[in-house]
Amino acid sequence: MARKLALLAILSLLSFLFPLSSSAEGSRFEKLLGGRDFTLPFEVDGVRRTCTFHLPKGFDRSKRYPLVLVFHGRGGTGANFARRSGFREISDAEGFIAAFPDGLGRRWVTPSDLEDAADIAFVDEIVAAVLKRIGADDDRIYACGFSAGGNFTLRLAAARADRFAAVASVSGFAYDSRRELFLPGAPLSVMLVHGTADEVVPYSGGRLGGRRALPGILGAEGLFDAIANAVGCAEKTEKAALPDADPDDGVKVEVLSRRAGDSGPEVVLYRLAGGGHRWPSKTAEKAKGQCRDFDAASEIWRFFSRHRRPSSPNVRRNVSYGPHARNVLDLYLPPSPRAKKVPCALYVHGGAFLSGDKSSVRPDWVKHLNGKGVAVASVNYRYSTQAPYPAPMMDVARAVQYLRAHADEYGLDPGRFAAWGGSAGAVISMWLAFHDDLADPRSPDPVARFSTRLAAAGSMNGQTTMDPWKWEDLYGYDFFKHPSFIALFRTPRSAGKTPQALRLFADASPVEHLDAGDPPVYLLYTQPDRPPRSMRECIHHPRFGKFIAPKLDELGVEYWLVVKGERPVHDG
């Protein structure tokens, strides 16, 4: 019964998940920090992405700086927006790191692909890389954007509400019929800037640029109220006028604001009467609808600087569970536990064992599980470039032992632990669920004496075998060339048939650890079962689920197999 309670919590979460993107960091920052302006490549789900960075004047690596992500509009680039937005100058004056990501194809999320997590995964990688390689203040991370970049900023704020301290959208928008995808699910301060004469994104809502093919958008004031309500602001709206610094620009600025008490989030709307679809700047050339009464970058930073990521008595961040720098976890406890001791679901991030971060756990996942009285622990572990197999698996096993050792302190039920993750995180979750108990009763380390066994596991696009020869049998590609195998096993193809190598591959494979009596597992695959057209399409292919299913059947282990476009299978 205990393991089924834990499994039900995982199933209720998986039932509405968006697919996770596997991603890999493209470059090491240390090689590129010779200057203050540089562009770095990233690889996200097999696609090359780029981001331009600016470090503040007098940058000191020993300090922790705020990070501001700035998203360009449709058709722009990060480098171009860095030059004209004014954020580089404000970065030097105020002391923060500025990042200017490039949208894929010079665009961000569109109406047809709102559920595509690739852009959000790209941002996750940027944040994780800055935290790891440059150094930033984890509680002072901000995001802003213009036009389509403002739209994406709002989408990002909803998907990662507890990642940011505040966000700002200039001439951005949210689709009325899908407004829930743009509303933060956690307390977050939001700044909106919008012109009443915006000819592209109408201030009063309607169609973007009058184009009937696109969904209708919320009006600026409707969006302001929807966000303020979502983050818990009081109903009262305060209004104030900004000084008309340039009477000749034909624009007057009124600021609407709603707050959630003195220390809670605030939502503000800069209403630019007569303002068009333009980035406000005191130094911009005079043009119809160009607001020259304030600098958007300066005003946005002034708003950001008032806010840090809110702390919560129910959240424990960066809890050290082991001796290595990556041995940290974030623990999210239910605000009002329904039982004296609550179940705990461990989230294990993906990233091909090469990248990823605990911050990728989505706020709506946490909110969903916490709402059911389940604690969530989001775990970091060593990358395979830092330590090969079995280090990532052993790190997460250690996290389980640590949480059990401190179960009384956190109010956790040590008999109801489950784990889930995507891609590499799915491999680790299944490996831990099926592996024999790693507890060492005679260890001098008291934490190591606790059990590593789980009551249930959830796998999103997970690989059930890590044997490159079996991958080759399944798909026909040489996976010894894949970066994840190179770093994880450090075994070339020429040595891949030795008994030692074959034992290594088998030991890393969840399917090889299956026994009768192992806990139930939920297997979710978000791509259809069709012949893969590239090595990339093999990585998260549903054949992995169908590969393990016969052995689950044979041993009588309960499982769910959900493949896109197919009827779900439940055995047991």
Protein backbone atom coordinates (compact mmCIF):
# COMPACT_ATOMS: atom_id res chain seq x y z
CA MET A 1 0.00 0.00 0.00
CA ALA A 2 2.80 2.42 0.87
CA ARG A 3 4.49 2.05 -2.48
CA LYS A 4 1.17 2.46 -4.31
CA LEU A 5 0.50 5.74 -2.51
CA ALA A 6 3.85 7.01 -3.69
CA LEU A 7 3.20 5.74 -7.20
CA LEU A 8 -0.19 7.44 -7.36
CA ALA A 9 1.47 10.75 -6.54
CA ILE A 10 3.92 10.23 -9.42
CA LEU A 11 1.12 9.18 -11.77
CA SER A 12 -0.98 12.22 -10.93
CA LEU A 13 2.01 14.37 -11.79
CA LEU A 14 2.92 12.58 -15.03
CA SER A 15 -0.64 12.80 -16.29
CA PHE A 16 -0.19 16.46 -17.24
CA LEU A 17 3.54 16.85 -17.81
CA PHE A 18 4.96 18.54 -20.84
CA PRO A 19 7.87 16.62 -22.41
CA LEU A 20 11.27 17.36 -21.00
CA SER A 21 14.10 18.36 -23.30
CA SER A 22 17.44 16.71 -22.97
CA SER A 23 20.13 19.32 -23.25
CA ALA A 24 23.88 19.64 -23.10
CA GLU A 25 26.08 22.60 -22.28
CA GLY A 26 28.01 23.64 -25.36
CA SER A 27 31.11 25.16 -23.89
CA ARG A 28 33.04 25.85 -20.71
CA PHE A 29 32.92 29.41 -19.47
CA GLU A 30 36.45 29.34 -18.09
CA LYS A 31 37.93 29.42 -21.60
CA LEU A 32 35.97 32.51 -22.57
CA LEU A 33 36.06 34.80 -19.55
CA GLY A 34 39.00 36.80 -20.85
CA GLY A 35 36.64 39.58 -21.99
CA ARG A 36 33.43 41.10 -20.71
CA ASP A 37 31.43 40.54 -23.92
CA PHE A 38 31.25 37.10 -25.50
CA THR A 39 28.88 34.68 -27.18
CA LEU A 40 28.64 31.05 -26.09
CA PRO A 41 27.16 28.03 -27.85
CA PHE A 42 24.80 25.60 -26.12
CA GLU A 43 23.26 22.38 -27.33
CA VAL A 44 19.63 21.81 -26.40
CA ASP A 45 17.95 18.60 -27.46
CA GLY A 46 20.52 18.20 -30.22
CA VAL A 47 20.05 21.76 -31.54
CA ARG A 48 22.81 24.39 -31.39
CA ARG A 49 21.76 27.57 -29.58
CA THR A 50 23.72 30.73 -28.76
CA CYS A 51 23.66 33.43 -26.10
CA THR A 52 25.57 36.72 -25.84
CA PHE A 53 26.83 37.72 -22.39
CA HIS A 54 28.01 40.96 -20.84
CA LEU A 55 29.91 41.06 -17.55
CA PRO A 56 29.81 44.29 -15.53
CA LYS A 57 32.75 46.64 -15.33
CA GLY A 58 35.13 45.54 -12.57
CA PHE A 59 33.76 41.98 -12.63
CA ASP A 60 35.12 39.94 -9.70
CA ARG A 61 34.74 36.15 -9.94
CA SER A 62 34.67 35.83 -6.17
CA LYS A 63 31.40 37.79 -5.97
CA ARG A 64 27.83 36.72 -6.70
CA TYR A 65 26.12 39.08 -9.14
CA PRO A 66 22.46 39.36 -10.15
CA LEU A 67 21.67 37.85 -13.56
CA VAL A 68 19.32 39.55 -16.05
CA LEU A 69 18.14 37.62 -19.12
CA VAL A 70 17.02 39.89 -21.97
CA PHE A 71 14.94 38.45 -24.84
CA HIS A 72 14.86 40.15 -28.23
CA GLY A 73 11.75 40.57 -30.36
CA ARG A 74 10.79 38.56 -33.44
CA GLY A 75 13.39 38.89 -36.18
CA GLY A 76 16.07 40.17 -33.80
CA THR A 77 19.19 38.69 -32.25
CA GLY A 78 20.66 38.75 -28.79
CA ALA A 79 23.77 40.62 -29.91
CA ASN A 80 21.77 43.30 -31.68
CA PHE A 81 19.45 43.81 -28.73
CA ALA A 82 22.46 43.98 -26.41
CA ARG A 83 23.70 46.96 -28.43
CA ARG A 84 20.44 48.91 -28.52
CA SER A 85 18.52 48.00 -25.34
CA GLY A 86 20.79 49.90 -22.92
CA PHE A 87 21.28 46.90 -20.63
CA ARG A 88 25.04 46.72 -21.13
CA GLU A 89 25.41 50.29 -19.87
CA ILE A 90 23.10 49.66 -16.91
CA SER A 91 25.00 46.44 -16.16
CA ASP A 92 28.23 48.42 -15.85
CA ALA A 93 26.62 51.12 -13.71
CA GLU A 94 24.67 48.81 -11.37
CA GLY A 95 26.74 45.62 -11.36
CA PHE A 96 24.83 42.66 -12.82
CA ILE A 97 25.46 40.00 -15.46
CA ALA A 98 23.39 40.46 -18.62
CA ALA A 99 22.53 37.55 -20.92
CA PHE A 100 21.00 38.01 -24.39
CA PRO A 101 19.82 34.63 -25.74
CA ASP A 102 19.14 34.07 -29.44
CA GLY A 103 15.74 32.75 -30.40
CA LEU A 104 15.80 29.79 -32.78
CA GLY A 105 15.18 31.20 -36.23
CA ARG A 106 15.14 34.67 -34.63
CA ARG A 107 11.88 33.92 -32.83
CA TRP A 108 10.52 32.54 -29.58
CA VAL A 109 7.46 30.43 -28.80
CA THR A 110 4.59 30.85 -31.31
CA PRO A 111 0.86 30.13 -31.00
CA SER A 112 1.26 26.71 -32.58
CA ASP A 113 4.03 25.46 -30.30
CA LEU A 114 3.29 26.88 -26.86
CA GLU A 115 3.83 23.43 -25.35
CA ASP A 116 7.28 23.09 -26.84
CA ALA A 117 9.73 23.17 -23.93
CA ALA A 118 12.87 23.68 -26.04
CA ASP A 119 13.16 27.45 -25.43
CA ILE A 120 12.50 27.01 -21.72
CA ALA A 121 15.09 24.22 -21.55
CA PHE A 122 17.54 26.60 -23.28
CA VAL A 123 16.97 29.16 -20.52
CA ASP A 124 17.45 26.44 -17.90
CA GLU A 125 20.84 25.66 -19.43
CA ILE A 126 21.88 29.31 -19.51
CA VAL A 127 20.96 29.83 -15.86
CA ALA A 128 22.62 26.59 -14.77
CA ALA A 129 25.78 27.43 -16.72
CA VAL A 130 26.02 30.95 -15.26
CA LEU A 131 25.48 29.65 -11.74
CA LYS A 132 28.14 27.01 -12.26
CA ARG A 133 30.75 28.75 -14.42
CA ILE A 134 30.50 32.48 -13.76
CA GLY A 135 28.78 32.76 -10.44
CA ALA A 136 25.46 34.51 -9.85
CA ASP A 137 23.19 35.21 -6.92
CA ASP A 138 20.65 32.38 -7.03
CA ASP A 139 18.00 34.62 -5.44
CA ARG A 140 18.46 37.54 -7.87
CA ILE A 141 17.77 36.13 -11.32
CA TYR A 142 15.52 38.20 -13.58
CA ALA A 143 14.09 38.07 -17.09
CA CYS A 144 12.68 40.66 -19.47
CA GLY A 145 11.87 40.98 -23.15
CA PHE A 146 10.41 43.09 -25.92
CA SER A 147 7.42 42.17 -28.11
CA ALA A 148 7.67 38.41 -28.85
CA GLY A 149 10.49 38.39 -26.30
CA GLY A 150 8.05 39.91 -23.82
CA ASN A 151 5.54 37.21 -24.68
CA PHE A 152 8.18 34.55 -24.05
CA THR A 153 9.18 36.23 -20.78
CA LEU A 154 5.61 35.84 -19.52
CA ARG A 155 5.51 32.24 -20.70
CA LEU A 156 8.82 31.60 -18.93
CA ALA A 157 7.60 33.29 -15.75
CA ALA A 158 4.62 30.94 -15.64
CA ALA A 159 6.75 27.84 -16.26
CA ARG A 160 9.55 28.84 -13.88
CA ALA A 161 7.83 31.12 -11.38
CA ASP A 162 10.05 30.07 -8.48
CA ARG A 163 13.24 30.43 -10.53
CA PHE A 164 13.01 34.22 -10.92
CA ALA A 165 12.86 37.12 -8.49
CA ALA A 166 10.99 39.36 -10.98
CA VAL A 167 10.26 39.68 -14.70
CA ALA A 168 9.35 42.49 -17.09
CA SER A 169 7.57 42.51 -20.45
CA VAL A 170 7.66 45.47 -22.85
CA SER A 171 4.97 45.38 -25.56
CA GLY A 172 4.47 41.72 -24.74
CA PHE A 173 1.27 39.73 -24.79
CA ALA A 174 -0.58 36.63 -23.62
CA TYR A 175 -3.17 34.64 -25.54
CA ASP A 176 -6.61 35.02 -24.01
CA SER A 177 -7.71 31.44 -24.67
CA ARG A 178 -4.53 30.06 -23.07
CA ARG A 179 -3.95 32.63 -20.37
CA GLU A 180 -3.10 29.94 -17.80
CA LEU A 181 0.17 29.35 -19.69
CA PHE A 182 1.22 32.94 -18.96
CA LEU A 183 0.20 33.35 -15.32
CA PRO A 184 2.76 32.62 -12.57
CA GLY A 185 1.86 29.78 -10.24
CA ALA A 186 3.93 31.20 -7.39
CA PRO A 187 4.50 34.69 -5.90
CA LEU A 188 6.43 36.72 -8.49
CA SER A 189 6.78 40.44 -9.16
CA VAL A 190 5.95 41.45 -12.72
CA MET A 191 6.41 44.71 -14.64
CA LEU A 192 4.46 45.42 -17.85
CA VAL A 193 5.15 48.30 -20.25
CA HIS A 194 2.68 48.97 -23.05
CA GLY A 195 1.70 51.79 -25.38
CA THR A 196 -1.94 52.63 -25.99
CA ALA A 197 -1.17 53.25 -29.67
CA ASP A 198 0.74 50.00 -30.18
CA GLU A 199 -0.01 49.04 -33.77
CA VAL A 200 1.35 45.47 -33.46
CA VAL A 201 0.16 44.34 -30.01
CA PRO A 202 -3.09 46.25 -29.37
CA TYR A 203 -3.29 47.75 -25.89
CA SER A 204 -6.95 46.81 -25.60
CA GLY A 205 -6.43 43.25 -26.85
CA GLY A 206 -7.76 41.52 -29.93
CA ARG A 207 -5.64 40.23 -32.81
CA LEU A 208 -1.90 40.74 -33.15
CA GLY A 209 -1.42 43.26 -35.96
CA GLY A 210 -5.02 42.57 -36.92
CA ARG A 211 -4.10 39.10 -38.20
CA ARG A 212 -7.15 36.81 -37.97
CA ALA A 213 -5.06 33.63 -38.14
CA LEU A 214 -3.60 34.23 -34.69
CA PRO A 215 -5.38 33.67 -31.36
CA GLY A 216 -6.80 36.71 -29.60
CA ILE A 217 -4.71 38.35 -26.89
CA LEU A 218 -5.57 39.85 -23.52
CA GLY A 219 -5.58 43.61 -23.30
CA ALA A 220 -2.71 45.13 -21.31
CA GLU A 221 -4.90 46.09 -18.35
CA GLY A 222 -6.67 42.72 -18.41
CA LEU A 223 -3.27 41.00 -18.37
CA PHE A 224 -2.15 43.27 -15.51
CA ASP A 225 -5.16 42.27 -13.40
CA ALA A 226 -4.91 38.57 -14.30
CA ILE A 227 -1.27 38.43 -13.20
CA ALA A 228 -1.90 40.47 -10.06
CA ASN A 229 -4.73 38.14 -9.09
CA ALA A 230 -2.61 35.06 -9.82
CA VAL A 231 0.25 36.17 -7.54
CA GLY A 232 -2.03 37.25 -4.71
CA CYS A 233 -1.99 41.05 -4.94
CA ALA A 234 -4.62 43.17 -3.21
CA GLU A 235 -7.53 44.37 -5.35
CA LYS A 236 -6.72 48.05 -4.94
CA THR A 237 -4.95 49.61 -7.93
CA GLU A 238 -2.75 52.62 -7.24
CA LYS A 239 -1.96 55.13 -9.97
CA ALA A 240 0.88 57.62 -10.39
CA ALA A 241 2.21 59.71 -13.27
CA LEU A 242 5.86 59.76 -14.36
CA PRO A 243 7.38 63.17 -15.11
CA ASP A 244 6.86 64.14 -18.76
CA ALA A 245 10.61 64.38 -19.40
CA ASP A 246 10.11 64.96 -23.15
CA PRO A 247 6.88 66.92 -23.77
CA ASP A 248 7.51 66.75 -27.52
CA ASP A 249 7.35 62.94 -27.83
CA GLY A 250 3.55 62.87 -27.65
CA VAL A 251 3.60 60.25 -24.90
CA LYS A 252 2.54 60.51 -21.27
CA VAL A 253 3.28 57.74 -18.76
CA GLU A 254 0.98 56.54 -16.00
CA VAL A 255 1.99 53.71 -13.64
CA LEU A 256 -0.67 51.34 -12.33
CA SER A 257 0.38 49.09 -9.45
CA ARG A 258 -1.04 46.38 -7.22
CA ARG A 259 0.81 44.90 -4.24
CA ALA A 260 0.55 41.95 -1.90
CA GLY A 261 1.54 43.73 1.29
CA ASP A 262 4.84 45.37 2.14
CA SER A 263 6.97 42.29 1.54
CA GLY A 264 4.89 40.43 -1.07
CA PRO A 265 5.04 40.59 -4.87
CA GLU A 266 4.03 43.67 -6.82
CA VAL A 267 2.65 43.94 -10.34
CA VAL A 268 2.98 47.23 -12.23
CA LEU A 269 1.81 48.45 -15.62
CA TYR A 270 3.48 51.41 -17.31
CA ARG A 271 0.68 52.77 -19.47
CA LEU A 272 2.23 54.81 -22.29
CA ALA A 273 -0.58 57.06 -23.53
CA GLY A 274 0.20 57.62 -27.21
CA GLY A 275 3.08 55.13 -27.14
CA GLY A 276 3.62 52.71 -30.02
CA HIS A 277 5.38 49.38 -30.50
CA ARG A 278 8.79 50.75 -29.51
CA TRP A 279 11.41 50.28 -26.78
CA PRO A 280 11.29 53.38 -24.49
CA SER A 281 14.57 55.29 -24.48
CA LYS A 282 15.53 58.88 -23.70
CA THR A 283 18.14 58.79 -26.44
CA ALA A 284 16.03 57.18 -29.18
CA GLU A 285 15.42 59.09 -32.39
CA LYS A 286 12.18 61.01 -32.44
CA ALA A 287 9.41 59.05 -34.10
CA LYS A 288 5.67 58.64 -33.84
CA GLY A 289 4.85 56.63 -30.73
CA GLN A 290 8.46 56.66 -29.43
CA CYS A 291 8.45 57.23 -25.66
CA ARG A 292 11.47 59.33 -24.62
CA ASP A 293 10.34 60.00 -21.04
CA PHE A 294 12.37 57.15 -19.51
CA ASP A 295 14.86 54.44 -20.40
CA ALA A 296 13.26 51.01 -20.32
CA ALA A 297 16.48 49.25 -19.25
CA SER A 298 17.06 51.66 -16.38
CA GLU A 299 13.44 51.54 -15.18
CA ILE A 300 13.31 47.75 -15.45
CA TRP A 301 16.48 47.42 -13.40
CA ARG A 302 15.09 49.84 -10.81
CA PHE A 303 12.07 47.52 -10.51
CA PHE A 304 14.22 44.38 -10.41
CA SER A 305 16.54 45.76 -7.74
CA ARG A 306 13.61 45.97 -5.31
CA HIS A 307 13.02 42.23 -5.45
CA ARG A 308 14.74 39.03 -4.42
CA ARG A 309 13.35 35.55 -4.86
CA PRO A 310 10.93 35.14 -1.94
CA SER A 311 11.95 32.74 0.76
CA SER A 312 9.50 30.21 2.15
CA PRO A 313 9.60 28.33 5.44
CA ASN A 314 8.55 25.25 3.46
CA VAL A 315 11.49 25.40 1.04
CA ARG A 316 15.04 24.32 1.90
CA ARG A 317 17.46 25.32 -0.85
CA ASN A 318 20.92 23.96 -1.57
CA VAL A 319 20.83 21.34 1.17
CA SER A 320 24.17 19.53 1.11
CA TYR A 321 23.73 15.77 1.11
CA GLY A 322 27.30 14.72 0.29
CA PRO A 323 30.92 15.87 -0.01
CA HIS A 324 30.93 17.16 -3.60
CA ALA A 325 29.90 20.61 -4.82
CA ARG A 326 27.12 19.09 -6.94
CA ASN A 327 25.77 17.11 -3.98
CA VAL A 328 22.97 19.57 -3.18
CA LEU A 329 19.20 19.41 -3.32
CA ASP A 330 16.19 21.68 -2.95
CA LEU A 331 13.42 20.36 -0.69
CA TYR A 332 9.83 21.57 -1.11
CA LEU A 333 7.62 20.60 1.81
CA PRO A 334 3.80 20.69 1.73
CA PRO A 335 2.56 23.79 3.55
CA SER A 336 -0.08 21.82 5.45
CA PRO A 337 0.77 18.12 5.54
CA ARG A 338 -2.25 15.87 5.62
CA ALA A 339 -0.42 13.29 7.69
CA LYS A 340 2.19 13.37 10.40
CA LYS A 341 4.80 12.07 7.96
CA VAL A 342 4.52 12.79 4.24
CA PRO A 343 5.75 10.87 1.17
CA CYS A 344 8.75 12.26 -0.70
CA ALA A 345 9.18 12.32 -4.50
CA LEU A 346 12.72 12.96 -5.74
CA TYR A 347 13.06 14.81 -9.05
CA VAL A 348 16.24 13.87 -10.94
CA HIS A 349 17.06 16.28 -13.78
CA GLY A 350 18.05 15.21 -17.27
CA GLY A 351 20.89 16.41 -19.48
CA ALA A 352 22.67 13.34 -20.93
CA PHE A 353 24.67 13.05 -17.67
CA LEU A 354 26.58 16.09 -18.98
CA SER A 355 24.47 19.03 -17.83
CA GLY A 356 21.18 20.07 -16.25
CA ASP A 357 20.25 21.44 -12.86
CA LYS A 358 17.80 20.94 -10.02
CA SER A 359 16.25 24.30 -10.88
CA SER A 360 14.57 22.64 -13.88
CA VAL A 361 11.86 21.17 -11.64
CA ARG A 362 8.78 23.08 -12.70
CA PRO A 363 6.81 25.08 -10.14
CA ASP A 364 3.51 23.56 -11.30
CA TRP A 365 4.90 20.05 -10.69
CA VAL A 366 5.91 21.04 -7.17
CA LYS A 367 2.60 22.78 -6.55
CA HIS A 368 0.69 19.75 -7.78
CA LEU A 369 2.54 17.27 -5.57
CA ASN A 370 2.67 19.56 -2.53
CA GLY A 371 -1.08 20.02 -2.94
CA LYS A 372 -1.47 16.26 -2.55
CA GLY A 373 0.63 16.26 0.61
CA VAL A 374 3.83 15.02 -1.07
CA ALA A 375 7.26 16.57 -0.46
CA VAL A 376 9.49 17.14 -3.50
CA ALA A 377 13.30 16.94 -3.44
CA SER A 378 15.02 18.22 -6.60
CA VAL A 379 18.51 16.74 -6.73
CA ASN A 380 21.78 17.76 -8.36
CA TYR A 381 24.40 15.10 -8.99
CA ARG A 382 27.88 14.99 -10.48
CA TYR A 383 28.18 15.21 -14.26
CA SER A 384 29.90 12.32 -15.99
CA THR A 385 32.64 14.74 -17.05
CA GLN A 386 33.39 15.15 -13.33
CA ALA A 387 33.09 11.48 -12.41
CA PRO A 388 32.05 8.58 -14.69
CA TYR A 389 29.53 5.83 -13.98
CA PRO A 390 28.40 4.96 -11.33
CA ALA A 391 28.93 8.38 -9.73
CA PRO A 392 25.64 10.00 -10.90
CA MET A 393 23.61 7.02 -9.67
CA MET A 394 25.49 6.78 -6.38
CA ASP A 395 24.99 10.50 -5.76
CA VAL A 396 21.22 10.22 -6.04
CA ALA A 397 21.29 7.08 -3.88
CA ARG A 398 23.15 9.16 -1.30
CA ALA A 399 20.45 11.84 -1.54
CA VAL A 400 17.81 9.20 -0.72
CA GLN A 401 19.86 8.04 2.28
CA TYR A 402 20.37 11.62 3.47
CA LEU A 403 16.63 12.37 3.34
CA ARG A 404 15.84 9.16 5.21
CA ALA A 405 18.46 10.00 7.82
CA HIS A 406 16.77 13.38 8.32
CA ALA A 407 13.19 12.15 7.90
CA ASP A 408 12.19 13.23 11.40
CA GLU A 409 13.62 16.71 10.89
CA TYR A 410 11.72 17.23 7.62
CA GLY A 411 8.58 15.26 8.51
CA LEU A 412 9.09 12.62 5.80
CA ASP A 413 7.81 9.06 5.76
CA PRO A 414 10.94 6.96 5.05
CA GLY A 415 8.80 4.11 3.73
CA ARG A 416 7.20 6.23 0.97
CA PHE A 417 10.01 7.52 -1.23
CA ALA A 418 9.70 7.64 -5.03
CA ALA A 419 11.81 9.14 -7.83
CA TRP A 420 11.11 10.45 -11.31
CA GLY A 421 12.96 12.28 -14.04
CA GLY A 422 13.44 12.74 -17.77
CA SER A 423 16.12 11.18 -19.95
CA ALA A 424 19.25 10.75 -17.79
CA GLY A 425 17.13 11.52 -14.73
CA ALA A 426 14.77 8.72 -15.77
CA VAL A 427 17.68 6.29 -16.09
CA ILE A 428 18.88 7.13 -12.59
CA SER A 429 15.35 6.86 -11.15
CA MET A 430 14.76 3.42 -12.68
CA TRP A 431 18.27 2.23 -11.82
CA LEU A 432 17.72 3.15 -8.18
CA ALA A 433 14.25 1.60 -8.10
CA PHE A 434 15.44 -1.76 -9.48
CA HIS A 435 18.90 -1.95 -7.92
CA ASP A 436 19.52 -3.99 -4.79
CA ASP A 437 19.63 -1.95 -1.59
CA LEU A 438 22.92 -0.03 -1.33
CA ALA A 439 22.68 0.43 2.43
CA ASP A 440 25.82 -0.57 4.36
CA PRO A 441 24.78 -1.45 7.93
CA ARG A 442 28.41 -1.55 9.08
CA SER A 443 29.49 1.76 7.60
CA PRO A 444 31.12 4.28 9.97
CA ASP A 445 29.04 6.88 8.13
CA PRO A 446 25.57 6.79 9.73
CA VAL A 447 23.90 8.14 6.56
CA ALA A 448 25.27 5.24 4.49
CA ARG A 449 23.45 2.78 6.76
CA PHE A 450 20.03 3.91 5.46
CA SER A 451 18.16 2.13 2.69
CA THR A 452 18.23 3.34 -0.93
CA ARG A 453 15.13 1.43 -1.99
CA LEU A 454 12.17 3.24 -3.54
CA ALA A 455 8.43 2.61 -3.47
CA ALA A 456 7.88 3.70 -7.09
CA ALA A 457 9.63 5.27 -10.09
CA GLY A 458 8.53 7.50 -12.96
CA SER A 459 10.35 7.69 -16.29
CA MET A 460 9.84 10.38 -18.91
CA ASN A 461 11.51 9.41 -22.20
CA GLY A 462 13.93 7.20 -20.28
CA GLN A 463 16.51 4.72 -21.58
CA THR A 464 15.92 1.32 -20.00
CA THR A 465 19.29 -0.03 -21.16
CA MET A 466 22.59 1.82 -21.25
CA ASP A 467 24.40 -0.83 -23.29
CA PRO A 468 25.58 0.87 -26.53
CA TRP A 469 25.55 -2.51 -28.30
CA LYS A 470 21.87 -2.97 -27.50
CA TRP A 471 21.19 0.59 -28.61
CA GLU A 472 22.87 -0.30 -31.89
CA ASP A 473 20.68 -3.42 -32.19
CA LEU A 474 17.57 -1.32 -31.55
CA TYR A 475 18.38 1.60 -33.84
CA GLY A 476 21.37 0.80 -36.06
CA TYR A 477 23.66 3.68 -35.03
CA ASP A 478 27.13 3.67 -33.46
CA PHE A 479 26.42 5.15 -30.02
CA PHE A 480 30.02 4.88 -28.88
CA LYS A 481 30.35 8.21 -30.69
CA HIS A 482 27.62 9.85 -28.60
CA PRO A 483 28.97 12.39 -26.05
CA SER A 484 26.95 10.89 -23.19
CA PHE A 485 28.50 7.44 -23.67
CA ILE A 486 31.98 8.85 -24.16
CA ALA A 487 31.90 10.69 -20.82
CA LEU A 488 29.83 8.17 -18.85
CA PHE A 489 31.84 5.03 -19.67
CA ARG A 490 35.12 6.32 -21.16
CA THR A 491 35.27 3.13 -23.19
CA PRO A 492 36.02 3.25 -26.93
CA ARG A 493 34.25 0.92 -29.34
CA SER A 494 37.46 -1.04 -29.81
CA ALA A 495 37.32 -2.04 -26.13
CA GLY A 496 33.56 -2.37 -25.96
CA LYS A 497 33.42 -6.18 -26.18
CA THR A 498 35.74 -6.94 -23.29
CA PRO A 499 34.16 -8.69 -20.29
CA GLN A 500 34.90 -5.64 -18.16
CA ALA A 501 33.13 -3.28 -20.59
CA LEU A 502 30.12 -5.57 -20.98
CA ARG A 503 29.78 -5.82 -17.18
CA LEU A 504 29.99 -2.03 -16.96
CA PHE A 505 27.24 -1.50 -19.56
CA ALA A 506 25.01 -4.10 -17.91
CA ASP A 507 25.50 -2.63 -14.46
CA ALA A 508 24.46 0.81 -15.73
CA SER A 509 21.25 -0.56 -17.30
CA PRO A 510 18.05 -0.46 -15.24
CA VAL A 511 16.65 -3.49 -17.07
CA GLU A 512 19.52 -5.68 -15.86
CA HIS A 513 18.67 -5.03 -12.21
CA LEU A 514 15.02 -6.09 -12.42
CA ASP A 515 13.76 -8.68 -9.95
CA ALA A 516 10.35 -9.95 -8.94
CA GLY A 517 9.07 -7.72 -6.17
CA ASP A 518 10.65 -4.53 -7.55
CA PRO A 519 8.53 -1.38 -7.21
CA PRO A 520 6.07 -0.29 -9.92
CA VAL A 521 7.24 2.02 -12.70
CA TYR A 522 5.46 4.49 -14.98
CA LEU A 523 7.03 4.78 -18.47
CA LEU A 524 6.04 7.82 -20.53
CA TYR A 525 7.27 8.48 -24.10
CA THR A 526 6.26 11.68 -25.82
CA GLN A 527 7.25 10.72 -29.37
CA PRO A 528 5.47 8.09 -31.49
CA ASP A 529 6.94 4.68 -32.21
CA ARG A 530 8.15 5.22 -35.74
CA PRO A 531 11.53 4.39 -37.34
CA PRO A 532 14.05 6.99 -36.14
CA ARG A 533 15.47 9.19 -38.89
CA SER A 534 18.58 10.22 -36.96
CA MET A 535 20.62 9.35 -33.90
CA ARG A 536 18.93 12.25 -32.12
CA GLU A 537 15.48 10.66 -32.54
CA CYS A 538 16.75 7.45 -30.95
CA ILE A 539 17.65 9.02 -27.61
CA HIS A 540 14.10 9.22 -26.22
CA HIS A 541 12.47 6.60 -28.45
CA PRO A 542 9.59 4.49 -27.09
CA ARG A 543 11.38 1.30 -28.12
CA PHE A 544 13.19 1.62 -24.79
CA GLY A 545 9.86 1.16 -23.03
CA LYS A 546 8.89 -1.77 -25.24
CA PHE A 547 12.34 -3.27 -24.67
CA ILE A 548 11.81 -3.57 -20.91
CA ALA A 549 8.10 -4.45 -20.98
CA PRO A 550 8.53 -8.21 -21.60
CA LYS A 551 10.84 -8.55 -18.61
CA LEU A 552 8.43 -6.57 -16.43
CA ASP A 553 5.69 -8.94 -17.56
CA GLU A 554 7.83 -12.01 -16.90
CA LEU A 555 8.70 -10.91 -13.37
CA GLY A 556 5.25 -9.62 -12.51
CA VAL A 557 6.44 -6.07 -11.83
CA GLU A 558 3.59 -3.58 -12.13
CA TYR A 559 4.05 -0.94 -14.83
CA TRP A 560 2.33 1.61 -17.03
CA LEU A 561 3.59 2.16 -20.59
CA VAL A 562 2.30 5.33 -22.26
CA VAL A 563 3.44 6.02 -25.82
CA LYS A 564 2.25 8.96 -27.89
CA GLY A 565 -0.43 7.88 -30.32
CA GLU A 566 -0.97 4.48 -28.69
CA ARG A 567 -3.36 3.10 -26.14
CA PRO A 568 -1.75 3.08 -22.66
CA VAL A 569 -0.70 -0.31 -21.29
CA HIS A 570 -1.12 -1.19 -17.62
CA ASP A 571 0.04 -4.55 -16.36
CA GLY A 572 -0.26 -5.56 -12.74
